[in-house]
Amino acid sequence: MPSDERSNVVRKKHSMILEDRKTLTFTGIKDVSGLEDQKVELSTELGELTIKGNGLHINGFSSDTGELELEGEIDSLVYSESRKPEGGFFSKLFR
């Protein structure tokens, strides 16, 4: 995408509030990619976000506003770059 087209893309602000390592409130969430008791994976406006802990559960999520509330014992938050799907095993094998 040319640089002038990227400047026209409107991003929602991404923020988070962590309270007592037990409650996380987010804005700018695009999608919930994975949900387990000890790990939650989110797609944000700034990349992929992995939250690790114990007893993690989502209290509410609005895909319209991008707001999400998460509760549990929160141990870590790690961002990584957004990755585009590159195909399956065979597409990598025959490159």
PDB file of N, CA and C in Angstrom:
ATOM      1  N   MET A   1       0.841  -1.170   0.000  1.00  0.00           N
ATOM      2  CA  MET A   1       0.000   0.000   0.000  1.00  0.00           C
ATOM      3  C   MET A   1       0.889   1.237   0.000  1.00  0.00           C
ATOM      4  N   PRO A   2       0.691   2.175  -0.926  1.00  0.00           N
ATOM      5  CA  PRO A   2       1.486   3.396  -0.952  1.00  0.00           C
ATOM      6  C   PRO A   2       1.321   4.184   0.347  1.00  0.00           C
ATOM      7  N   SER A   3       2.339   4.974   0.671  1.00  0.00           N
ATOM      8  CA  SER A   3       2.339   5.693   1.944  1.00  0.00           C
ATOM      9  C   SER A   3       1.171   6.670   2.065  1.00  0.00           C
ATOM     10  N   ASP A   4       0.718   7.284   0.945  1.00  0.00           N
ATOM     11  CA  ASP A   4      -0.394   8.232   1.045  1.00  0.00           C
ATOM     12  C   ASP A   4      -1.704   7.529   1.380  1.00  0.00           C
ATOM     13  N   GLU A   5      -1.871   6.265   0.992  1.00  0.00           N
ATOM     14  CA  GLU A   5      -3.069   5.512   1.342  1.00  0.00           C
ATOM     15  C   GLU A   5      -3.055   5.138   2.813  1.00  0.00           C
ATOM     16  N   ARG A   6      -1.897   4.826   3.367  1.00  0.00           N
ATOM     17  CA  ARG A   6      -1.791   4.464   4.780  1.00  0.00           C
ATOM     18  C   ARG A   6      -2.160   5.636   5.678  1.00  0.00           C
ATOM     19  N   SER A   7      -1.867   6.849   5.258  1.00  0.00           N
ATOM     20  CA  SER A   7      -2.165   8.014   6.081  1.00  0.00           C
ATOM     21  C   SER A   7      -3.664   8.248   6.199  1.00  0.00           C
ATOM     22  N   ASN A   8      -4.463   7.687   5.279  1.00  0.00           N
ATOM     23  CA  ASN A   8      -5.914   7.850   5.332  1.00  0.00           C
ATOM     24  C   ASN A   8      -6.594   6.817   6.227  1.00  0.00           C
ATOM     25  N   VAL A   9      -5.848   5.811   6.702  1.00  0.00           N
ATOM     26  CA  VAL A   9      -6.413   4.785   7.558  1.00  0.00           C
ATOM     27  C   VAL A   9      -6.604   5.366   8.953  1.00  0.00           C
ATOM     28  N   VAL A  10      -7.824   5.217   9.490  1.00  0.00           N
ATOM     29  CA  VAL A  10      -8.125   5.743  10.817  1.00  0.00           C
ATOM     30  C   VAL A  10      -8.005   4.611  11.823  1.00  0.00           C
ATOM     31  N   ARG A  11      -7.156   4.801  12.824  1.00  0.00           N
ATOM     32  CA  ARG A  11      -6.975   3.808  13.879  1.00  0.00           C
ATOM     33  C   ARG A  11      -7.718   4.245  15.126  1.00  0.00           C
ATOM     34  N   LYS A  12      -8.283   3.259  15.807  1.00  0.00           N
ATOM     35  CA  LYS A  12      -8.846   3.529  17.119  1.00  0.00           C
ATOM     36  C   LYS A  12      -7.689   3.573  18.101  1.00  0.00           C
ATOM     37  N   LYS A  13      -7.800   4.396  19.116  1.00  0.00           N
ATOM     38  CA  LYS A  13      -6.749   4.452  20.129  1.00  0.00           C
ATOM     39  C   LYS A  13      -6.727   3.149  20.903  1.00  0.00           C
ATOM     40  N   HIS A  14      -5.512   2.721  21.236  1.00  0.00           N
ATOM     41  CA  HIS A  14      -5.336   1.501  22.018  1.00  0.00           C
ATOM     42  C   HIS A  14      -4.794   1.890  23.388  1.00  0.00           C
ATOM     43  N   SER A  15      -5.497   1.483  24.431  1.00  0.00           N
ATOM     44  CA  SER A  15      -5.034   1.762  25.782  1.00  0.00           C
ATOM     45  C   SER A  15      -5.441   0.610  26.688  1.00  0.00           C
ATOM     46  N   MET A  16      -4.818   0.568  27.866  1.00  0.00           N
ATOM     47  CA  MET A  16      -5.186  -0.440  28.848  1.00  0.00           C
ATOM     48  C   MET A  16      -5.027   0.137  30.244  1.00  0.00           C
ATOM     49  N   ILE A  17      -5.873  -0.353  31.127  1.00  0.00           N
ATOM     50  CA  ILE A  17      -5.798   0.009  32.539  1.00  0.00           C
ATOM     51  C   ILE A  17      -5.727  -1.295  33.319  1.00  0.00           C
ATOM     52  N   LEU A  18      -4.666  -1.445  34.102  1.00  0.00           N
ATOM     53  CA  LEU A  18      -4.466  -2.624  34.930  1.00  0.00           C
ATOM     54  C   LEU A  18      -4.696  -2.228  36.381  1.00  0.00           C
ATOM     55  N   GLU A  19      -5.623  -2.927  37.032  1.00  0.00           N
ATOM     56  CA  GLU A  19      -5.932  -2.643  38.430  1.00  0.00           C
ATOM     57  C   GLU A  19      -5.575  -3.842  39.288  1.00  0.00           C
ATOM     58  N   ASP A  20      -4.618  -3.646  40.199  1.00  0.00           N
ATOM     59  CA  ASP A  20      -4.212  -4.662  41.177  1.00  0.00           C
ATOM     60  C   ASP A  20      -3.826  -6.006  40.550  1.00  0.00           C
ATOM     61  N   ARG A  21      -3.337  -5.996  39.316  1.00  0.00           N
ATOM     62  CA  ARG A  21      -2.968  -7.217  38.579  1.00  0.00           C
ATOM     63  C   ARG A  21      -4.104  -8.224  38.524  1.00  0.00           C
ATOM     64  N   LYS A  22      -5.346  -7.742  38.624  1.00  0.00           N
ATOM     65  CA  LYS A  22      -6.501  -8.636  38.603  1.00  0.00           C
ATOM     66  C   LYS A  22      -7.532  -8.252  37.536  1.00  0.00           C
ATOM     67  N   THR A  23      -7.587  -6.994  37.174  1.00  0.00           N
ATOM     68  CA  THR A  23      -8.565  -6.534  36.187  1.00  0.00           C
ATOM     69  C   THR A  23      -7.863  -5.689  35.135  1.00  0.00           C
ATOM     70  N   LEU A  24      -8.089  -6.032  33.864  1.00  0.00           N
ATOM     71  CA  LEU A  24      -7.547  -5.267  32.741  1.00  0.00           C
ATOM     72  C   LEU A  24      -8.702  -4.745  31.909  1.00  0.00           C
ATOM     73  N   THR A  25      -8.673  -3.461  31.594  1.00  0.00           N
ATOM     74  CA  THR A  25      -9.662  -2.853  30.721  1.00  0.00           C
ATOM     75  C   THR A  25      -8.920  -2.304  29.507  1.00  0.00           C
ATOM     76  N   PHE A  26      -9.380  -2.680  28.315  1.00  0.00           N
ATOM     77  CA  PHE A  26      -8.711  -2.311  27.064  1.00  0.00           C
ATOM     78  C   PHE A  26      -9.629  -1.488  26.168  1.00  0.00           C
ATOM     79  N   THR A  27      -9.001  -0.674  25.312  1.00  0.00           N
ATOM     80  CA  THR A  27      -9.657  -0.089  24.145  1.00  0.00           C
ATOM     81  C   THR A  27      -8.778  -0.415  22.946  1.00  0.00           C
ATOM     82  N   GLY A  28      -9.337  -0.344  21.754  1.00  0.00           N
ATOM     83  CA  GLY A  28      -8.569  -0.594  20.534  1.00  0.00           C
ATOM     84  C   GLY A  28      -8.339  -2.069  20.253  1.00  0.00           C
ATOM     85  N   ILE A  29      -9.232  -2.932  20.736  1.00  0.00           N
ATOM     86  CA  ILE A  29      -9.119  -4.366  20.472  1.00  0.00           C
ATOM     87  C   ILE A  29      -9.912  -4.690  19.209  1.00  0.00           C
ATOM     88  N   LYS A  30      -9.268  -5.385  18.282  1.00  0.00           N
ATOM     89  CA  LYS A  30      -9.933  -5.781  17.039  1.00  0.00           C
ATOM     90  C   LYS A  30     -10.644  -7.126  17.184  1.00  0.00           C
ATOM     91  N   ASP A  31      -9.959  -8.098  17.843  1.00  0.00           N
ATOM     92  CA  ASP A  31     -10.486  -9.455  17.882  1.00  0.00           C
ATOM     93  C   ASP A  31      -9.836 -10.230  19.027  1.00  0.00           C
ATOM     94  N   VAL A  32     -10.550 -11.243  19.519  1.00  0.00           N
ATOM     95  CA  VAL A  32      -9.991 -12.184  20.483  1.00  0.00           C
ATOM     96  C   VAL A  32      -9.539 -13.394  19.679  1.00  0.00           C
ATOM     97  N   SER A  33      -8.221 -13.607  19.599  1.00  0.00           N
ATOM     98  CA  SER A  33      -7.657 -14.681  18.779  1.00  0.00           C
ATOM     99  C   SER A  33      -7.633 -16.018  19.493  1.00  0.00           C
ATOM    100  N   GLY A  34      -7.496 -15.989  20.817  1.00  0.00           N
ATOM    101  CA  GLY A  34      -7.435 -17.223  21.593  1.00  0.00           C
ATOM    102  C   GLY A  34      -7.801 -16.954  23.038  1.00  0.00           C
ATOM    103  N   LEU A  35      -8.460 -17.930  23.663  1.00  0.00           N
ATOM    104  CA  LEU A  35      -8.885 -17.774  25.045  1.00  0.00           C
ATOM    105  C   LEU A  35      -8.728 -19.093  25.771  1.00  0.00           C
ATOM    106  N   GLU A  36      -7.870 -19.097  26.773  1.00  0.00           N
ATOM    107  CA  GLU A  36      -7.663 -20.250  27.641  1.00  0.00           C
ATOM    108  C   GLU A  36      -7.621 -19.739  29.071  1.00  0.00           C
ATOM    109  N   ASP A  37      -7.631 -20.661  30.021  1.00  0.00           N
ATOM    110  CA  ASP A  37      -7.588 -20.295  31.432  1.00  0.00           C
ATOM    111  C   ASP A  37      -6.297 -19.578  31.804  1.00  0.00           C
ATOM    112  N   GLN A  38      -5.190 -19.903  31.112  1.00  0.00           N
ATOM    113  CA  GLN A  38      -3.893 -19.324  31.449  1.00  0.00           C
ATOM    114  C   GLN A  38      -3.321 -18.410  30.370  1.00  0.00           C
ATOM    115  N   LYS A  39      -4.044 -18.222  29.253  1.00  0.00           N
ATOM    116  CA  LYS A  39      -3.525 -17.375  28.181  1.00  0.00           C
ATOM    117  C   LYS A  39      -4.679 -16.809  27.351  1.00  0.00           C
ATOM    118  N   VAL A  40      -4.596 -15.503  27.062  1.00  0.00           N
ATOM    119  CA  VAL A  40      -5.554 -14.833  26.187  1.00  0.00           C
ATOM    120  C   VAL A  40      -4.754 -14.128  25.102  1.00  0.00           C
ATOM    121  N   GLU A  41      -5.162 -14.316  23.847  1.00  0.00           N
ATOM    122  CA  GLU A  41      -4.485 -13.673  22.721  1.00  0.00           C
ATOM    123  C   GLU A  41      -5.456 -12.707  22.057  1.00  0.00           C
ATOM    124  N   LEU A  42      -4.998 -11.457  21.895  1.00  0.00           N
ATOM    125  CA  LEU A  42      -5.824 -10.405  21.331  1.00  0.00           C
ATOM    126  C   LEU A  42      -5.156  -9.780  20.119  1.00  0.00           C
ATOM    127  N   SER A  43      -5.960  -9.361  19.159  1.00  0.00           N
ATOM    128  CA  SER A  43      -5.475  -8.550  18.036  1.00  0.00           C
ATOM    129  C   SER A  43      -5.813  -7.105  18.377  1.00  0.00           C
ATOM    130  N   THR A  44      -4.782  -6.256  18.418  1.00  0.00           N
ATOM    131  CA  THR A  44      -4.989  -4.852  18.757  1.00  0.00           C
ATOM    132  C   THR A  44      -4.634  -3.980  17.564  1.00  0.00           C
ATOM    133  N   GLU A  45      -4.854  -2.710  17.706  1.00  0.00           N
ATOM    134  CA  GLU A  45      -4.484  -1.750  16.666  1.00  0.00           C
ATOM    135  C   GLU A  45      -2.969  -1.676  16.489  1.00  0.00           C
ATOM    136  N   LEU A  46      -2.199  -2.136  17.495  1.00  0.00           N
ATOM    137  CA  LEU A  46      -0.744  -2.029  17.445  1.00  0.00           C
ATOM    138  C   LEU A  46      -0.033  -3.368  17.355  1.00  0.00           C
ATOM    139  N   GLY A  47      -0.747  -4.443  17.071  1.00  0.00           N
ATOM    140  CA  GLY A  47      -0.142  -5.761  16.948  1.00  0.00           C
ATOM    141  C   GLY A  47      -0.853  -6.781  17.819  1.00  0.00           C
ATOM    142  N   GLU A  48      -0.268  -7.959  17.880  1.00  0.00           N
ATOM    143  CA  GLU A  48      -0.837  -9.043  18.682  1.00  0.00           C
ATOM    144  C   GLU A  48      -0.407  -8.875  20.140  1.00  0.00           C
ATOM    145  N   LEU A  49      -1.327  -9.158  21.061  1.00  0.00           N
ATOM    146  CA  LEU A  49      -1.056  -9.033  22.487  1.00  0.00           C
ATOM    147  C   LEU A  49      -1.399 -10.351  23.162  1.00  0.00           C
ATOM    148  N   THR A  50      -0.437 -10.914  23.903  1.00  0.00           N
ATOM    149  CA  THR A  50      -0.655 -12.150  24.653  1.00  0.00           C
ATOM    150  C   THR A  50      -0.601 -11.832  26.132  1.00  0.00           C
ATOM    151  N   ILE A  51      -1.648 -12.232  26.849  1.00  0.00           N
ATOM    152  CA  ILE A  51      -1.739 -12.038  28.289  1.00  0.00           C
ATOM    153  C   ILE A  51      -1.663 -13.408  28.930  1.00  0.00           C
ATOM    154  N   LYS A  52      -0.763 -13.575  29.912  1.00  0.00           N
ATOM    155  CA  LYS A  52      -0.633 -14.854  30.602  1.00  0.00           C
ATOM    156  C   LYS A  52      -0.929 -14.663  32.074  1.00  0.00           C
ATOM    157  N   GLY A  53      -1.473 -15.715  32.687  1.00  0.00           N
ATOM    158  CA  GLY A  53      -1.802 -15.676  34.098  1.00  0.00           C
ATOM    159  C   GLY A  53      -2.571 -16.919  34.485  1.00  0.00           C
ATOM    160  N   ASN A  54      -3.438 -16.793  35.483  1.00  0.00           N
ATOM    161  CA  ASN A  54      -4.267 -17.908  35.958  1.00  0.00           C
ATOM    162  C   ASN A  54      -5.704 -17.440  36.130  1.00  0.00           C
ATOM    163  N   GLY A  55      -6.636 -18.327  35.805  1.00  0.00           N
ATOM    164  CA  GLY A  55      -8.049 -18.020  35.967  1.00  0.00           C
ATOM    165  C   GLY A  55      -8.518 -16.852  35.120  1.00  0.00           C
ATOM    166  N   LEU A  56      -7.933 -16.693  33.937  1.00  0.00           N
ATOM    167  CA  LEU A  56      -8.283 -15.569  33.065  1.00  0.00           C
ATOM    168  C   LEU A  56      -9.644 -15.803  32.411  1.00  0.00           C
ATOM    169  N   HIS A  57     -10.472 -14.762  32.426  1.00  0.00           N
ATOM    170  CA  HIS A  57     -11.755 -14.828  31.725  1.00  0.00           C
ATOM    171  C   HIS A  57     -12.166 -13.416  31.304  1.00  0.00           C
ATOM    172  N   ILE A  58     -12.912 -13.363  30.226  1.00  0.00           N
ATOM    173  CA  ILE A  58     -13.370 -12.091  29.669  1.00  0.00           C
ATOM    174  C   ILE A  58     -14.752 -11.785  30.233  1.00  0.00           C
ATOM    175  N   ASN A  59     -14.876 -10.609  30.846  1.00  0.00           N
ATOM    176  CA  ASN A  59     -16.174 -10.179  31.386  1.00  0.00           C
ATOM    177  C   ASN A  59     -17.044  -9.526  30.330  1.00  0.00           C
ATOM    178  N   GLY A  60     -16.421  -8.885  29.356  1.00  0.00           N
ATOM    179  CA  GLY A  60     -17.188  -8.235  28.303  1.00  0.00           C
ATOM    180  C   GLY A  60     -16.293  -7.819  27.154  1.00  0.00           C
ATOM    181  N   PHE A  61     -16.843  -7.884  25.938  1.00  0.00           N
ATOM    182  CA  PHE A  61     -16.120  -7.461  24.745  1.00  0.00           C
ATOM    183  C   PHE A  61     -17.113  -6.899  23.745  1.00  0.00           C
ATOM    184  N   SER A  62     -16.811  -5.730  23.216  1.00  0.00           N
ATOM    185  CA  SER A  62     -17.621  -5.112  22.175  1.00  0.00           C
ATOM    186  C   SER A  62     -16.754  -4.933  20.938  1.00  0.00           C
ATOM    187  N   SER A  63     -17.066  -5.669  19.885  1.00  0.00           N
ATOM    188  CA  SER A  63     -16.299  -5.526  18.642  1.00  0.00           C
ATOM    189  C   SER A  63     -16.593  -4.180  17.969  1.00  0.00           C
ATOM    190  N   ASP A  64     -17.743  -3.587  18.272  1.00  0.00           N
ATOM    191  CA  ASP A  64     -18.083  -2.285  17.698  1.00  0.00           C
ATOM    192  C   ASP A  64     -17.194  -1.170  18.250  1.00  0.00           C
ATOM    193  N   THR A  65     -16.998  -1.156  19.571  1.00  0.00           N
ATOM    194  CA  THR A  65     -16.206  -0.099  20.197  1.00  0.00           C
ATOM    195  C   THR A  65     -14.754  -0.499  20.430  1.00  0.00           C
ATOM    196  N   GLY A  66     -14.458  -1.817  20.398  1.00  0.00           N
ATOM    197  CA  GLY A  66     -13.104  -2.294  20.648  1.00  0.00           C
ATOM    198  C   GLY A  66     -12.751  -2.362  22.119  1.00  0.00           C
ATOM    199  N   GLU A  67     -13.762  -2.293  22.992  1.00  0.00           N
ATOM    200  CA  GLU A  67     -13.524  -2.337  24.435  1.00  0.00           C
ATOM    201  C   GLU A  67     -13.631  -3.763  24.948  1.00  0.00           C
ATOM    202  N   LEU A  68     -12.732  -4.112  25.884  1.00  0.00           N
ATOM    203  CA  LEU A  68     -12.704  -5.449  26.447  1.00  0.00           C
ATOM    204  C   LEU A  68     -12.317  -5.361  27.917  1.00  0.00           C
ATOM    205  N   GLU A  69     -12.952  -6.196  28.755  1.00  0.00           N
ATOM    206  CA  GLU A  69     -12.582  -6.286  30.166  1.00  0.00           C
ATOM    207  C   GLU A  69     -12.214  -7.720  30.484  1.00  0.00           C
ATOM    208  N   LEU A  70     -11.061  -7.887  31.123  1.00  0.00           N
ATOM    209  CA  LEU A  70     -10.500  -9.195  31.433  1.00  0.00           C
ATOM    210  C   LEU A  70     -10.213  -9.265  32.929  1.00  0.00           C
ATOM    211  N   GLU A  71     -10.511 -10.418  33.542  1.00  0.00           N
ATOM    212  CA  GLU A  71     -10.214 -10.613  34.955  1.00  0.00           C
ATOM    213  C   GLU A  71      -9.441 -11.896  35.165  1.00  0.00           C
ATOM    214  N   GLY A  72      -8.693 -11.956  36.242  1.00  0.00           N
ATOM    215  CA  GLY A  72      -7.915 -13.117  36.630  1.00  0.00           C
ATOM    216  C   GLY A  72      -6.605 -12.673  37.245  1.00  0.00           C
ATOM    217  N   GLU A  73      -5.738 -13.613  37.519  1.00  0.00           N
ATOM    218  CA  GLU A  73      -4.410 -13.308  38.055  1.00  0.00           C
ATOM    219  C   GLU A  73      -3.480 -13.075  36.869  1.00  0.00           C
ATOM    220  N   ILE A  74      -3.082 -11.830  36.647  1.00  0.00           N
ATOM    221  CA  ILE A  74      -2.330 -11.447  35.453  1.00  0.00           C
ATOM    222  C   ILE A  74      -0.837 -11.447  35.759  1.00  0.00           C
ATOM    223  N   ASP A  75      -0.086 -12.253  34.992  1.00  0.00           N
ATOM    224  CA  ASP A  75       1.356 -12.375  35.191  1.00  0.00           C
ATOM    225  C   ASP A  75       2.167 -11.608  34.154  1.00  0.00           C
ATOM    226  N   SER A  76       1.714 -11.590  32.890  1.00  0.00           N
ATOM    227  CA  SER A  76       2.509 -10.909  31.863  1.00  0.00           C
ATOM    228  C   SER A  76       1.640 -10.453  30.703  1.00  0.00           C
ATOM    229  N   LEU A  77       2.142  -9.409  30.023  1.00  0.00           N
ATOM    230  CA  LEU A  77       1.546  -8.873  28.797  1.00  0.00           C
ATOM    231  C   LEU A  77       2.680  -8.735  27.793  1.00  0.00           C
ATOM    232  N   VAL A  78       2.532  -9.352  26.613  1.00  0.00           N
ATOM    233  CA  VAL A  78       3.598  -9.320  25.612  1.00  0.00           C
ATOM    234  C   VAL A  78       3.001  -8.962  24.251  1.00  0.00           C
ATOM    235  N   TYR A  79       3.588  -7.931  23.622  1.00  0.00           N
ATOM    236  CA  TYR A  79       3.191  -7.542  22.267  1.00  0.00           C
ATOM    237  C   TYR A  79       4.104  -8.197  21.247  1.00  0.00           C
ATOM    238  N   SER A  80       3.536  -8.514  20.087  1.00  0.00           N
ATOM    239  CA  SER A  80       4.314  -8.958  18.937  1.00  0.00           C
ATOM    240  C   SER A  80       3.692  -8.331  17.700  1.00  0.00           C
ATOM    241  N   GLU A  81       4.457  -8.324  16.626  1.00  0.00           N
ATOM    242  CA  GLU A  81       3.967  -7.726  15.380  1.00  0.00           C
ATOM    243  C   GLU A  81       2.794  -8.524  14.834  1.00  0.00           C
ATOM    244  N   SER A  82       1.890  -7.840  14.152  1.00  0.00           N
ATOM    245  CA  SER A  82       0.793  -8.529  13.472  1.00  0.00           C
ATOM    246  C   SER A  82       1.373  -9.373  12.364  1.00  0.00           C
ATOM    247  N   ARG A  83       0.896 -10.585  12.261  1.00  0.00           N
ATOM    248  CA  ARG A  83       1.392 -11.491  11.220  1.00  0.00           C
ATOM    249  C   ARG A  83       0.272 -11.799  10.247  1.00  0.00           C
ATOM    250  N   LYS A  84       0.620 -11.760   8.960  1.00  0.00           N
ATOM    251  CA  LYS A  84      -0.331 -12.160   7.942  1.00  0.00           C
ATOM    252  C   LYS A  84      -0.213 -13.664   7.743  1.00  0.00           C
ATOM    253  N   PRO A  85      -1.322 -14.366   7.539  1.00  0.00           N
ATOM    254  CA  PRO A  85      -1.238 -15.803   7.290  1.00  0.00           C
ATOM    255  C   PRO A  85      -0.382 -16.081   6.062  1.00  0.00           C
ATOM    256  N   GLU A  86       0.531 -17.031   6.177  1.00  0.00           N
ATOM    257  CA  GLU A  86       1.448 -17.334   5.077  1.00  0.00           C
ATOM    258  C   GLU A  86       1.140 -18.657   4.402  1.00  0.00           C
ATOM    259  N   GLY A  87       0.014 -19.237   4.665  1.00  0.00           N
ATOM    260  CA  GLY A  87      -0.295 -20.528   4.073  1.00  0.00           C
ATOM    261  C   GLY A  87       0.044 -21.652   5.015  1.00  0.00           C
ATOM    262  N   GLY A  88      -0.191 -22.862   4.569  1.00  0.00           N
ATOM    263  CA  GLY A  88       0.023 -24.026   5.411  1.00  0.00           C
ATOM    264  C   GLY A  88       1.414 -24.613   5.297  1.00  0.00           C
ATOM    265  N   PHE A  89       1.540 -25.794   5.820  1.00  0.00           N
ATOM    266  CA  PHE A  89       2.804 -26.517   5.844  1.00  0.00           C
ATOM    267  C   PHE A  89       3.384 -26.722   4.452  1.00  0.00           C
ATOM    268  N   PHE A  90       2.559 -27.135   3.488  1.00  0.00           N
ATOM    269  CA  PHE A  90       3.048 -27.447   2.147  1.00  0.00           C
ATOM    270  C   PHE A  90       3.503 -26.200   1.401  1.00  0.00           C
ATOM    271  N   SER A  91       2.861 -25.060   1.619  1.00  0.00           N
ATOM    272  CA  SER A  91       3.299 -23.840   0.942  1.00  0.00           C
ATOM    273  C   SER A  91       4.691 -23.420   1.417  1.00  0.00           C
ATOM    274  N   LYS A  92       5.007 -23.673   2.687  1.00  0.00           N
ATOM    275  CA  LYS A  92       6.345 -23.374   3.204  1.00  0.00           C
ATOM    276  C   LYS A  92       7.366 -24.386   2.706  1.00  0.00           C
ATOM    277  N   LEU A  93       6.936 -25.637   2.583  1.00  0.00           N
ATOM    278  CA  LEU A  93       7.812 -26.713   2.159  1.00  0.00           C
ATOM    279  C   LEU A  93       8.266 -26.525   0.711  1.00  0.00           C
ATOM    280  N   PHE A  94       7.386 -26.041  -0.172  1.00  0.00           N
ATOM    281  CA  PHE A  94       7.683 -25.957  -1.592  1.00  0.00           C
ATOM    282  C   PHE A  94       8.045 -24.562  -2.065  1.00  0.00           C
ATOM    283  N   ARG A  95       8.598 -23.740  -1.220  1.00  0.00           N
ATOM    284  CA  ARG A  95       9.030 -22.388  -1.626  1.00  0.00           C
ATOM    285  C   ARG A  95      10.327 -22.451  -2.358  1.00  0.00           C
TER     286      ARG A  95
END
